[in-house]
C-alpha atoms as a PDB file:
ATOM      1  CA  UNK A   1     -30.981 -11.122 -15.819  1.00  0.00           C
ATOM      2  CA  UNK A   2     -28.330  -8.465 -16.362  1.00  0.00           C
ATOM      3  CA  UNK A   3     -26.728  -9.570 -12.981  1.00  0.00           C
ATOM      4  CA  UNK A   4     -26.992 -13.224 -13.794  1.00  0.00           C
ATOM      5  CA  UNK A   5     -25.460 -12.723 -17.117  1.00  0.00           C
ATOM      6  CA  UNK A   6     -22.571 -10.221 -15.859  1.00  0.00           C
ATOM      7  CA  UNK A   7     -21.502 -13.160 -13.080  1.00  0.00           C
ATOM      8  CA  UNK A   8     -21.623 -15.946 -15.917  1.00  0.00           C
ATOM      9  CA  UNK A   9     -19.335 -13.838 -18.002  1.00  0.00           C
ATOM     10  CA  UNK A  10     -16.944 -13.133 -15.226  1.00  0.00           C
ATOM     11  CA  UNK A  11     -16.905 -16.741 -14.112  1.00  0.00           C
ATOM     12  CA  UNK A  12     -16.324 -17.972 -17.685  1.00  0.00           C
ATOM     13  CA  UNK A  13     -13.433 -15.323 -18.236  1.00  0.00           C
ATOM     14  CA  UNK A  14     -12.161 -16.201 -14.920  1.00  0.00           C
ATOM     15  CA  UNK A  15     -11.849 -19.844 -15.866  1.00  0.00           C
ATOM     16  CA  UNK A  16     -10.001 -19.391 -18.947  1.00  0.00           C
ATOM     17  CA  UNK A  17      -7.671 -17.021 -17.089  1.00  0.00           C
ATOM     18  CA  UNK A  18      -6.951 -19.622 -14.288  1.00  0.00           C
ATOM     19  CA  UNK A  19      -5.880 -22.198 -16.811  1.00  0.00           C
ATOM     20  CA  UNK A  20      -3.563 -19.931 -18.691  1.00  0.00           C
ATOM     21  CA  UNK A  21      -1.804 -19.003 -15.264  1.00  0.00           C
ATOM     22  CA  UNK A  22      -1.614 -22.539 -14.291  1.00  0.00           C
ATOM     23  CA  UNK A  23       0.216 -23.222 -17.377  1.00  0.00           C
ATOM     24  CA  UNK A  24       2.784 -20.541 -16.764  1.00  0.00           C
ATOM     25  CA  UNK A  25       5.345 -23.074 -15.812  1.00  0.00           C
ATOM     26  CA  UNK A  26       5.211 -24.499 -19.198  1.00  0.00           C
ATOM     27  CA  UNK A  27       6.910 -21.442 -20.422  1.00  0.00           C
ATOM     28  CA  UNK A  28      10.232 -22.170 -19.056  1.00  0.00           C
ATOM     29  CA  UNK A  29      11.596 -25.314 -20.971  1.00  0.00           C
ATOM     30  CA  UNK A  30      14.869 -26.523 -20.162  1.00  0.00           C
ATOM     31  CA  UNK A  31      15.873 -23.201 -18.432  1.00  0.00           C
ATOM     32  CA  UNK A  32      14.731 -21.593 -21.612  1.00  0.00           C
ATOM     33  CA  UNK A  33      12.106 -19.256 -22.477  1.00  0.00           C
ATOM     34  CA  UNK A  34       9.858 -21.327 -24.830  1.00  0.00           C
ATOM     35  CA  UNK A  35       6.130 -19.775 -26.049  1.00  0.00           C
ATOM     36  CA  UNK A  36       5.671 -23.100 -27.979  1.00  0.00           C
ATOM     37  CA  UNK A  37       6.130 -25.202 -24.746  1.00  0.00           C
ATOM     38  CA  UNK A  38       3.660 -22.941 -23.192  1.00  0.00           C
ATOM     39  CA  UNK A  39       0.949 -23.615 -25.972  1.00  0.00           C
ATOM     40  CA  UNK A  40       1.478 -27.300 -25.213  1.00  0.00           C
ATOM     41  CA  UNK A  41       1.238 -26.890 -21.569  1.00  0.00           C
ATOM     42  CA  UNK A  42      -2.322 -24.995 -22.335  1.00  0.00           C
ATOM     43  CA  UNK A  43      -3.361 -27.902 -24.348  1.00  0.00           C
ATOM     44  CA  UNK A  44      -2.460 -30.243 -21.415  1.00  0.00           C
ATOM     45  CA  UNK A  45      -4.443 -28.262 -18.908  1.00  0.00           C
ATOM     46  CA  UNK A  46      -7.626 -28.305 -20.969  1.00  0.00           C
ATOM     47  CA  UNK A  47      -7.240 -31.888 -21.716  1.00  0.00           C
ATOM     48  CA  UNK A  48      -6.690 -32.599 -17.771  1.00  0.00           C
ATOM     49  CA  UNK A  49     -10.067 -30.726 -17.105  1.00  0.00           C
ATOM     50  CA  UNK A  50     -11.926 -34.013 -18.378  1.00  0.00           C
ATOM     51  CA  UNK A  51      -9.878 -35.979 -15.886  1.00  0.00           C
ATOM     52  CA  UNK A  52      -9.654 -34.177 -12.575  1.00  0.00           C
ATOM     53  CA  UNK A  53     -10.252 -37.310 -10.410  1.00  0.00           C
ATOM     54  CA  UNK A  54      -7.178 -38.916 -12.046  1.00  0.00           C
ATOM     55  CA  UNK A  55      -4.662 -36.119 -10.917  1.00  0.00           C
ATOM     56  CA  UNK A  56      -2.158 -37.433  -8.684  1.00  0.00           C
ATOM     57  CA  UNK A  57       0.686 -36.349  -6.269  1.00  0.00           C
ATOM     58  CA  UNK A  58       3.789 -37.966  -4.837  1.00  0.00           C
ATOM     59  CA  UNK A  59       3.621 -38.307  -0.879  1.00  0.00           C
ATOM     60  CA  UNK A  60       7.366 -38.193   0.232  1.00  0.00           C
ATOM     61  CA  UNK A  61       6.523 -39.555   3.671  1.00  0.00           C
ATOM     62  CA  UNK A  62       4.477 -42.417   2.417  1.00  0.00           C
ATOM     63  CA  UNK A  63       6.812 -42.721  -0.699  1.00  0.00           C
ATOM     64  CA  UNK A  64       4.061 -43.558  -2.850  1.00  0.00           C
ATOM     65  CA  UNK A  65       1.458 -41.824  -5.243  1.00  0.00           C
ATOM     66  CA  UNK A  66      -2.210 -40.491  -3.873  1.00  0.00           C
ATOM     67  CA  UNK A  67      -5.112 -39.253  -5.958  1.00  0.00           C
ATOM     68  CA  UNK A  68      -5.279 -35.208  -5.553  1.00  0.00           C
ATOM     69  CA  UNK A  69      -8.753 -35.426  -4.989  1.00  0.00           C
ATOM     70  CA  UNK A  70      -9.977 -36.044  -2.096  1.00  0.00           C
ATOM     71  CA  UNK A  71      -6.565 -36.263  -0.677  1.00  0.00           C
ATOM     72  CA  UNK A  72      -6.120 -32.733  -0.288  1.00  0.00           C
ATOM     73  CA  UNK A  73      -8.981 -32.223   2.045  1.00  0.00           C
ATOM     74  CA  UNK A  74      -7.091 -31.947   5.004  1.00  0.00           C
ATOM     75  CA  UNK A  75      -4.891 -29.151   3.620  1.00  0.00           C
ATOM     76  CA  UNK A  76      -7.849 -27.346   2.512  1.00  0.00           C
ATOM     77  CA  UNK A  77      -9.229 -27.304   6.025  1.00  0.00           C
ATOM     78  CA  UNK A  78      -6.311 -26.154   7.746  1.00  0.00           C
ATOM     79  CA  UNK A  79      -5.916 -23.480   5.442  1.00  0.00           C
ATOM     80  CA  UNK A  80      -9.644 -22.342   5.892  1.00  0.00           C
ATOM     81  CA  UNK A  81      -9.340 -22.640   9.434  1.00  0.00           C
ATOM     82  CA  UNK A  82      -6.518 -20.089   9.628  1.00  0.00           C
ATOM     83  CA  UNK A  83      -7.774 -17.761   7.143  1.00  0.00           C
ATOM     84  CA  UNK A  84     -11.480 -17.571   8.402  1.00  0.00           C
ATOM     85  CA  UNK A  85     -10.414 -17.385  12.206  1.00  0.00           C
ATOM     86  CA  UNK A  86      -7.588 -14.387  11.385  1.00  0.00           C
ATOM     87  CA  UNK A  87     -10.059 -12.418   9.084  1.00  0.00           C
ATOM     88  CA  UNK A  88     -12.923 -12.587  11.767  1.00  0.00           C
ATOM     89  CA  UNK A  89     -10.498 -11.729  14.840  1.00  0.00           C
ATOM     90  CA  UNK A  90      -8.937  -8.931  12.806  1.00  0.00           C
ATOM     91  CA  UNK A  91     -12.137  -7.458  11.453  1.00  0.00           C
ATOM     92  CA  UNK A  92     -13.952  -7.586  15.312  1.00  0.00           C
ATOM     93  CA  UNK A  93     -10.982  -5.883  16.678  1.00  0.00           C
ATOM     94  CA  UNK A  94     -10.465  -3.334  14.000  1.00  0.00           C
ATOM     95  CA  UNK A  95     -14.187  -2.201  14.187  1.00  0.00           C
ATOM     96  CA  UNK A  96     -13.583  -1.743  17.758  1.00  0.00           C
ATOM     97  CA  UNK A  97     -10.713   0.222  17.479  1.00  0.00           C
ATOM     98  CA  UNK A  98     -12.602   2.350  14.754  1.00  0.00           C
ATOM     99  CA  UNK A  99     -15.060   3.035  17.625  1.00  0.00           C
ATOM    100  CA  UNK A 100     -12.274   4.014  19.978  1.00  0.00           C
ATOM    101  CA  UNK A 101     -11.154   6.380  17.215  1.00  0.00           C
ATOM    102  CA  UNK A 102     -14.677   7.435  16.777  1.00  0.00           C
ATOM    103  CA  UNK A 103     -15.006   8.565  20.451  1.00  0.00           C
ATOM    104  CA  UNK A 104     -11.447   9.758  21.035  1.00  0.00           C
ATOM    105  CA  UNK A 105     -10.492  13.642  20.883  1.00  0.00           C
ATOM    106  CA  UNK A 106      -8.221  15.191  18.333  1.00  0.00           C
ATOM    107  CA  UNK A 107      -4.767  14.634  20.356  1.00  0.00           C
ATOM    108  CA  UNK A 108      -5.553  10.887  20.878  1.00  0.00           C
ATOM    109  CA  UNK A 109      -6.637  10.476  17.240  1.00  0.00           C
ATOM    110  CA  UNK A 110      -3.217  12.032  16.224  1.00  0.00           C
ATOM    111  CA  UNK A 111      -1.557   9.459  18.581  1.00  0.00           C
ATOM    112  CA  UNK A 112      -3.531   6.294  17.466  1.00  0.00           C
ATOM    113  CA  UNK A 113      -2.954   7.261  13.637  1.00  0.00           C
ATOM    114  CA  UNK A 114       0.911   7.683  14.220  1.00  0.00           C
ATOM    115  CA  UNK A 115       1.055   4.401  15.915  1.00  0.00           C
ATOM    116  CA  UNK A 116      -1.248   2.278  13.413  1.00  0.00           C
ATOM    117  CA  UNK A 117       0.731   3.920  10.474  1.00  0.00           C
ATOM    118  CA  UNK A 118       3.973   2.933  11.977  1.00  0.00           C
ATOM    119  CA  UNK A 119       2.678  -0.769  12.609  1.00  0.00           C
ATOM    120  CA  UNK A 120       0.995  -1.112   9.368  1.00  0.00           C
ATOM    121  CA  UNK A 121       4.655  -0.794   7.730  1.00  0.00           C
ATOM    122  CA  UNK A 122       6.058  -3.794   9.754  1.00  0.00           C
ATOM    123  CA  UNK A 123       6.601  -6.652   7.436  1.00  0.00           C
ATOM    124  CA  UNK A 124       5.158 -10.028   7.661  1.00  0.00           C
ATOM    125  CA  UNK A 125       8.244 -11.843   8.406  1.00  0.00           C
ATOM    126  CA  UNK A 126       8.936  -9.499  11.270  1.00  0.00           C
ATOM    127  CA  UNK A 127       5.703 -10.723  13.086  1.00  0.00           C
ATOM    128  CA  UNK A 128       6.694 -14.195  12.030  1.00  0.00           C
ATOM    129  CA  UNK A 129      10.148 -13.992  13.694  1.00  0.00           C
ATOM    130  CA  UNK A 130       8.994 -11.982  16.709  1.00  0.00           C
ATOM    131  CA  UNK A 131       6.114 -14.393  17.457  1.00  0.00           C
ATOM    132  CA  UNK A 132       8.714 -17.299  17.659  1.00  0.00           C
ATOM    133  CA  UNK A 133      11.316 -15.303  19.630  1.00  0.00           C
ATOM    134  CA  UNK A 134       8.292 -14.537  22.312  1.00  0.00           C
ATOM    135  CA  UNK A 135       7.379 -18.333  22.558  1.00  0.00           C
ATOM    136  CA  UNK A 136      11.073 -19.623  22.877  1.00  0.00           C
ATOM    137  CA  UNK A 137      11.470 -16.772  25.487  1.00  0.00           C
ATOM    138  CA  UNK A 138       8.253 -18.016  27.293  1.00  0.00           C
ATOM    139  CA  UNK A 139       9.585 -21.516  27.446  1.00  0.00           C
ATOM    140  CA  UNK A 140      12.976 -20.625  28.632  1.00  0.00           C
ATOM    141  CA  UNK A 141      11.569 -18.470  31.478  1.00  0.00           C
ATOM    142  CA  UNK A 142       8.640 -20.374  32.596  1.00  0.00           C
ATOM    143  CA  UNK A 143       9.022 -24.081  30.709  1.00  0.00           C
ATOM    144  CA  UNK A 144       5.696 -23.583  28.946  1.00  0.00           C
ATOM    145  CA  UNK A 145       5.847 -25.728  26.009  1.00  0.00           C
ATOM    146  CA  UNK A 146       2.121 -26.032  24.788  1.00  0.00           C
ATOM    147  CA  UNK A 147       2.772 -23.290  22.088  1.00  0.00           C
ATOM    148  CA  UNK A 148       4.244 -24.904  18.729  1.00  0.00           C
ATOM    149  CA  UNK A 149       6.626 -22.811  16.745  1.00  0.00           C
ATOM    150  CA  UNK A 150       6.291 -25.088  13.410  1.00  0.00           C
ATOM    151  CA  UNK A 151       4.296 -27.757  12.207  1.00  0.00           C
ATOM    152  CA  UNK A 152       5.146 -31.281  10.886  1.00  0.00           C
ATOM    153  CA  UNK A 153       3.510 -34.155   8.898  1.00  0.00           C
ATOM    154  CA  UNK A 154       2.157 -35.386  12.102  1.00  0.00           C
ATOM    155  CA  UNK A 155       1.098 -32.290  13.994  1.00  0.00           C
ATOM    156  CA  UNK A 156      -0.844 -29.131  13.070  1.00  0.00           C
ATOM    157  CA  UNK A 157       0.186 -25.737  14.154  1.00  0.00           C
ATOM    158  CA  UNK A 158      -2.428 -22.910  14.345  1.00  0.00           C
ATOM    159  CA  UNK A 159      -2.048 -20.612  17.097  1.00  0.00           C
ATOM    160  CA  UNK A 160       0.876 -18.576  15.944  1.00  0.00           C
ATOM    161  CA  UNK A 161      -0.220 -18.677  11.944  1.00  0.00           C
ATOM    162  CA  UNK A 162      -3.643 -17.126  13.069  1.00  0.00           C
ATOM    163  CA  UNK A 163      -1.744 -14.680  15.698  1.00  0.00           C
ATOM    164  CA  UNK A 164       0.590 -13.676  12.748  1.00  0.00           C
ATOM    165  CA  UNK A 165      -2.073 -13.251   9.839  1.00  0.00           C
ATOM    166  CA  UNK A 166      -4.193 -11.455  12.159  1.00  0.00           C
ATOM    167  CA  UNK A 167      -1.332  -8.743  13.205  1.00  0.00           C
ATOM    168  CA  UNK A 168      -0.749  -8.544   9.460  1.00  0.00           C
ATOM    169  CA  UNK A 169      -4.129  -7.580   8.285  1.00  0.00           C
ATOM    170  CA  UNK A 170      -5.255  -6.029  11.440  1.00  0.00           C
ATOM    171  CA  UNK A 171      -3.308  -2.723  10.673  1.00  0.00           C
ATOM    172  CA  UNK A 172      -4.320  -3.090   7.169  1.00  0.00           C
ATOM    173  CA  UNK A 173      -8.149  -2.942   8.055  1.00  0.00           C
ATOM    174  CA  UNK A 174      -7.401  -0.194  10.995  1.00  0.00           C
ATOM    175  CA  UNK A 175      -6.209   2.054   8.267  1.00  0.00           C
ATOM    176  CA  UNK A 176      -9.257   1.868   5.937  1.00  0.00           C
ATOM    177  CA  UNK A 177     -11.840   2.089   8.823  1.00  0.00           C
ATOM    178  CA  UNK A 178     -10.525   5.081  10.656  1.00  0.00           C
ATOM    179  CA  UNK A 179     -10.057   7.053   7.021  1.00  0.00           C
ATOM    180  CA  UNK A 180     -13.631   6.080   6.299  1.00  0.00           C
ATOM    181  CA  UNK A 181     -14.681   7.666   9.972  1.00  0.00           C
ATOM    182  CA  UNK A 182     -12.855  10.713   9.016  1.00  0.00           C
ATOM    183  CA  UNK A 183     -14.716  11.043   6.030  1.00  0.00           C
ATOM    184  CA  UNK A 184     -18.348   9.952   7.259  1.00  0.00           C
ATOM    185  CA  UNK A 185     -18.717  11.466  10.690  1.00  0.00           C
ATOM    186  CA  UNK A 186     -19.416  15.078   8.829  1.00  0.00           C
ATOM    187  CA  UNK A 187     -21.798  13.268   6.413  1.00  0.00           C
ATOM    188  CA  UNK A 188     -25.664  14.960   6.120  1.00  0.00           C
ATOM    189  CA  UNK A 189     -27.306  11.750   7.798  1.00  0.00           C
ATOM    190  CA  UNK A 190     -25.040  11.802  10.740  1.00  0.00           C
ATOM    191  CA  UNK A 191     -25.559  15.463  11.291  1.00  0.00           C
ATOM    192  CA  UNK A 192     -29.169  15.119  11.096  1.00  0.00           C
ATOM    193  CA  UNK A 193     -28.937  12.191  13.480  1.00  0.00           C
ATOM    194  CA  UNK A 194     -26.854  14.187  15.938  1.00  0.00           C
ATOM    195  CA  UNK A 195     -29.479  17.171  15.594  1.00  0.00           C
ATOM    196  CA  UNK A 196     -32.462  14.704  16.783  1.00  0.00           C
ATOM    197  CA  UNK A 197     -30.339  13.761  19.725  1.00  0.00           C
ATOM    198  CA  UNK A 198     -29.013  10.328  19.037  1.00  0.00           C
ATOM    199  CA  UNK A 199     -26.138   9.418  21.496  1.00  0.00           C
ATOM    200  CA  UNK A 200     -22.605   8.783  19.774  1.00  0.00           C
ATOM    201  CA  UNK A 201     -22.430   5.126  20.325  1.00  0.00           C
ATOM    202  CA  UNK A 202     -25.650   4.745  18.482  1.00  0.00           C
ATOM    203  CA  UNK A 203     -24.500   6.852  15.928  1.00  0.00           C
ATOM    204  CA  UNK A 204     -21.625   4.603  15.128  1.00  0.00           C
ATOM    205  CA  UNK A 205     -23.334   1.232  15.700  1.00  0.00           C
ATOM    206  CA  UNK A 206     -26.648   1.884  14.077  1.00  0.00           C
ATOM    207  CA  UNK A 207     -25.933   4.662  11.432  1.00  0.00           C
ATOM    208  CA  UNK A 208     -22.249   4.704  10.578  1.00  0.00           C
ATOM    209  CA  UNK A 209     -21.381   1.059  10.433  1.00  0.00           C
ATOM    210  CA  UNK A 210     -23.958  -0.456   8.128  1.00  0.00           C
ATOM    211  CA  UNK A 211     -23.094   2.153   5.626  1.00  0.00           C
ATOM    212  CA  UNK A 212     -19.608   1.117   5.644  1.00  0.00           C
ATOM    213  CA  UNK A 213     -20.102  -2.828   5.435  1.00  0.00           C
ATOM    214  CA  UNK A 214     -20.584  -2.833   1.588  1.00  0.00           C
ATOM    215  CA  UNK A 215     -17.495  -0.686   1.149  1.00  0.00           C
ATOM    216  CA  UNK A 216     -15.145  -2.720   3.623  1.00  0.00           C
ATOM    217  CA  UNK A 217     -16.389  -5.364   1.432  1.00  0.00           C
ATOM    218  CA  UNK A 218     -15.447  -4.058  -1.631  1.00  0.00           C
ATOM    219  CA  UNK A 219     -12.030  -2.873  -0.094  1.00  0.00           C
ATOM    220  CA  UNK A 220     -11.576  -6.450   1.166  1.00  0.00           C
ATOM    221  CA  UNK A 221     -12.234  -7.824  -1.960  1.00  0.00           C
ATOM    222  CA  UNK A 222      -9.883  -5.696  -3.902  1.00  0.00           C
ATOM    223  CA  UNK A 223      -7.121  -6.583  -1.533  1.00  0.00           C
ATOM    224  CA  UNK A 224      -7.728 -10.535  -1.309  1.00  0.00           C
ATOM    225  CA  UNK A 225      -4.401 -11.158  -3.141  1.00  0.00           C
ATOM    226  CA  UNK A 226      -2.708  -9.289  -0.589  1.00  0.00           C
ATOM    227  CA  UNK A 227      -4.052 -10.994   2.311  1.00  0.00           C
ATOM    228  CA  UNK A 228      -3.276 -14.556   0.679  1.00  0.00           C
ATOM    229  CA  UNK A 229       0.008 -13.611  -0.223  1.00  0.00           C
ATOM    230  CA  UNK A 230       0.757 -13.233   3.550  1.00  0.00           C
ATOM    231  CA  UNK A 231      -1.125 -16.292   4.093  1.00  0.00           C
ATOM    232  CA  UNK A 232       1.434 -17.862   1.678  1.00  0.00           C
ATOM    233  CA  UNK A 233       4.570 -16.647   3.618  1.00  0.00           C
ATOM    234  CA  UNK A 234       2.962 -17.683   6.945  1.00  0.00           C
ATOM    235  CA  UNK A 235       2.167 -21.409   5.935  1.00  0.00           C
ATOM    236  CA  UNK A 236       5.558 -21.813   4.374  1.00  0.00           C
ATOM    237  CA  UNK A 237       7.374 -20.425   7.384  1.00  0.00           C
ATOM    238  CA  UNK A 238       5.550 -22.151  10.210  1.00  0.00           C
ATOM    239  CA  UNK A 239       5.360 -25.462   8.034  1.00  0.00           C
ATOM    240  CA  UNK A 240       1.595 -25.327   8.093  1.00  0.00           C
ATOM    241  CA  UNK A 241       0.106 -28.430   6.454  1.00  0.00           C
ATOM    242  CA  UNK A 242      -2.219 -26.008   4.481  1.00  0.00           C
ATOM    243  CA  UNK A 243      -3.136 -25.873   0.979  1.00  0.00           C
ATOM    244  CA  UNK A 244      -0.200 -23.276  -0.148  1.00  0.00           C
ATOM    245  CA  UNK A 245       2.476 -25.178   1.658  1.00  0.00           C
ATOM    246  CA  UNK A 246       1.142 -28.246  -0.239  1.00  0.00           C
ATOM    247  CA  UNK A 247       1.573 -26.326  -3.785  1.00  0.00           C
ATOM    248  CA  UNK A 248       5.277 -25.533  -2.815  1.00  0.00           C
ATOM    249  CA  UNK A 249       6.278 -29.424  -2.475  1.00  0.00           C
ATOM    250  CA  UNK A 250       3.687 -30.579  -5.457  1.00  0.00           C
ATOM    251  CA  UNK A 251       4.155 -27.455  -8.286  1.00  0.00           C
ATOM    252  CA  UNK A 252       3.013 -29.635 -11.285  1.00  0.00           C
ATOM    253  CA  UNK A 253       0.973 -27.681 -13.436  1.00  0.00           C
ATOM    254  CA  UNK A 254      -2.476 -29.989 -13.263  1.00  0.00           C
ATOM    255  CA  UNK A 255      -2.189 -29.489  -9.339  1.00  0.00           C
ATOM    256  CA  UNK A 256      -1.519 -25.721  -9.663  1.00  0.00           C
ATOM    257  CA  UNK A 257      -4.802 -25.656 -11.980  1.00  0.00           C
ATOM    258  CA  UNK A 258      -7.094 -27.407  -9.257  1.00  0.00           C
ATOM    259  CA  UNK A 259      -5.384 -25.273  -6.514  1.00  0.00           C
ATOM    260  CA  UNK A 260      -6.390 -22.107  -8.241  1.00  0.00           C
ATOM    261  CA  UNK A 261     -10.010 -23.382  -9.012  1.00  0.00           C
ATOM    262  CA  UNK A 262     -10.417 -24.281  -5.072  1.00  0.00           C
ATOM    263  CA  UNK A 263      -9.459 -20.539  -4.309  1.00  0.00           C
ATOM    264  CA  UNK A 264     -11.314 -19.055  -6.881  1.00  0.00           C
ATOM    265  CA  UNK A 265     -14.727 -20.623  -6.748  1.00  0.00           C
ATOM    266  CA  UNK A 266     -15.295 -20.041  -3.081  1.00  0.00           C
ATOM    267  CA  UNK A 267     -14.465 -16.309  -3.427  1.00  0.00           C
ATOM    268  CA  UNK A 268     -16.719 -16.211  -6.443  1.00  0.00           C
ATOM    269  CA  UNK A 269     -19.777 -17.862  -4.655  1.00  0.00           C
ATOM    270  CA  UNK A 270     -19.099 -15.389  -1.543  1.00  0.00           C
ATOM    271  CA  UNK A 271     -19.046 -12.535  -4.104  1.00  0.00           C
ATOM    272  CA  UNK A 272     -22.043 -13.512  -5.515  1.00  0.00           C
ATOM    273  CA  UNK A 273     -24.007 -13.942  -2.301  1.00  0.00           C
ATOM    274  CA  UNK A 274     -22.690 -10.663  -1.163  1.00  0.00           C
ATOM    275  CA  UNK A 275     -23.872  -8.869  -4.172  1.00  0.00           C
ATOM    276  CA  UNK A 276     -27.351 -10.358  -3.974  1.00  0.00           C
ATOM    277  CA  UNK A 277     -27.830 -10.409  -0.286  1.00  0.00           C
ATOM    278  CA  UNK A 278     -26.450  -7.018   0.969  1.00  0.00           C
ATOM    279  CA  UNK A 279     -29.393  -4.259   0.971  1.00  0.00           C
ATOM    280  CA  UNK A 280     -29.135  -1.648  -1.910  1.00  0.00           C
ATOM    281  CA  UNK A 281     -29.520   0.805   1.281  1.00  0.00           C
ATOM    282  CA  UNK A 282     -26.088  -0.102   2.736  1.00  0.00           C
ATOM    283  CA  UNK A 283     -24.445   0.245  -0.913  1.00  0.00           C
ATOM    284  CA  UNK A 284     -24.881   3.964  -0.560  1.00  0.00           C
ATOM    285  CA  UNK A 285     -25.526   4.418  -4.431  1.00  0.00           C
ATOM    286  CA  UNK A 286     -22.318   2.785  -5.384  1.00  0.00           C
END
């Protein structure tokens, strides 16, 4: 009951916070800071809640108004495909990197740490520009033109956005995982497992990784805004027909409110399921 009450309060508070954020454009009226206009914007947003199905946006290509729901579904789909694929690939690669780090000697570990630390500092735009440059170079040298460097209203682009977001988050994940390996490898439960003669591979996959899953989830949840901000830059730069780029061209307050709800509600549901389904043994007393 306490869990249900806590999550219900969290959802209600988030509901009001998201509406307050969606009304922020009203703070600036005629290029001037106007708190009274913000209050009017808040009332407008609350009134809009009763008629979400009537919200429209102007389609530049068709030169006409369309209902936001369910027309926005293809944009949501593109964002989900890029985000989900990139997160799965980067998480899997980071885990295998952590295994390599775990099995490496001291000198190799130092080299791996210095390399990943350097790559982690590389900004998102560098990976975007580098990936586009490599595709253009590949085209000029081999004539291969199957990789798109930018999307359009008629075509979807996925490979480069997924690759860029994967690289952006990969080193972010690697840094956390390697830090956890260093902290956990001297833990008493691993020392006991070594004393019983369990092999290093089994120590990592059967004992170390399960204790890190929940901590990794908490780390990812705390840094989801950082990942989403990278996705915003990627969608805009590659002209992905995704949800975030849609907001750039249709930034009206009712549309912004719907987009914020569409972003937050899946995150809330996943968080709810994770807190409920992850075994207490994996939480390690957190």
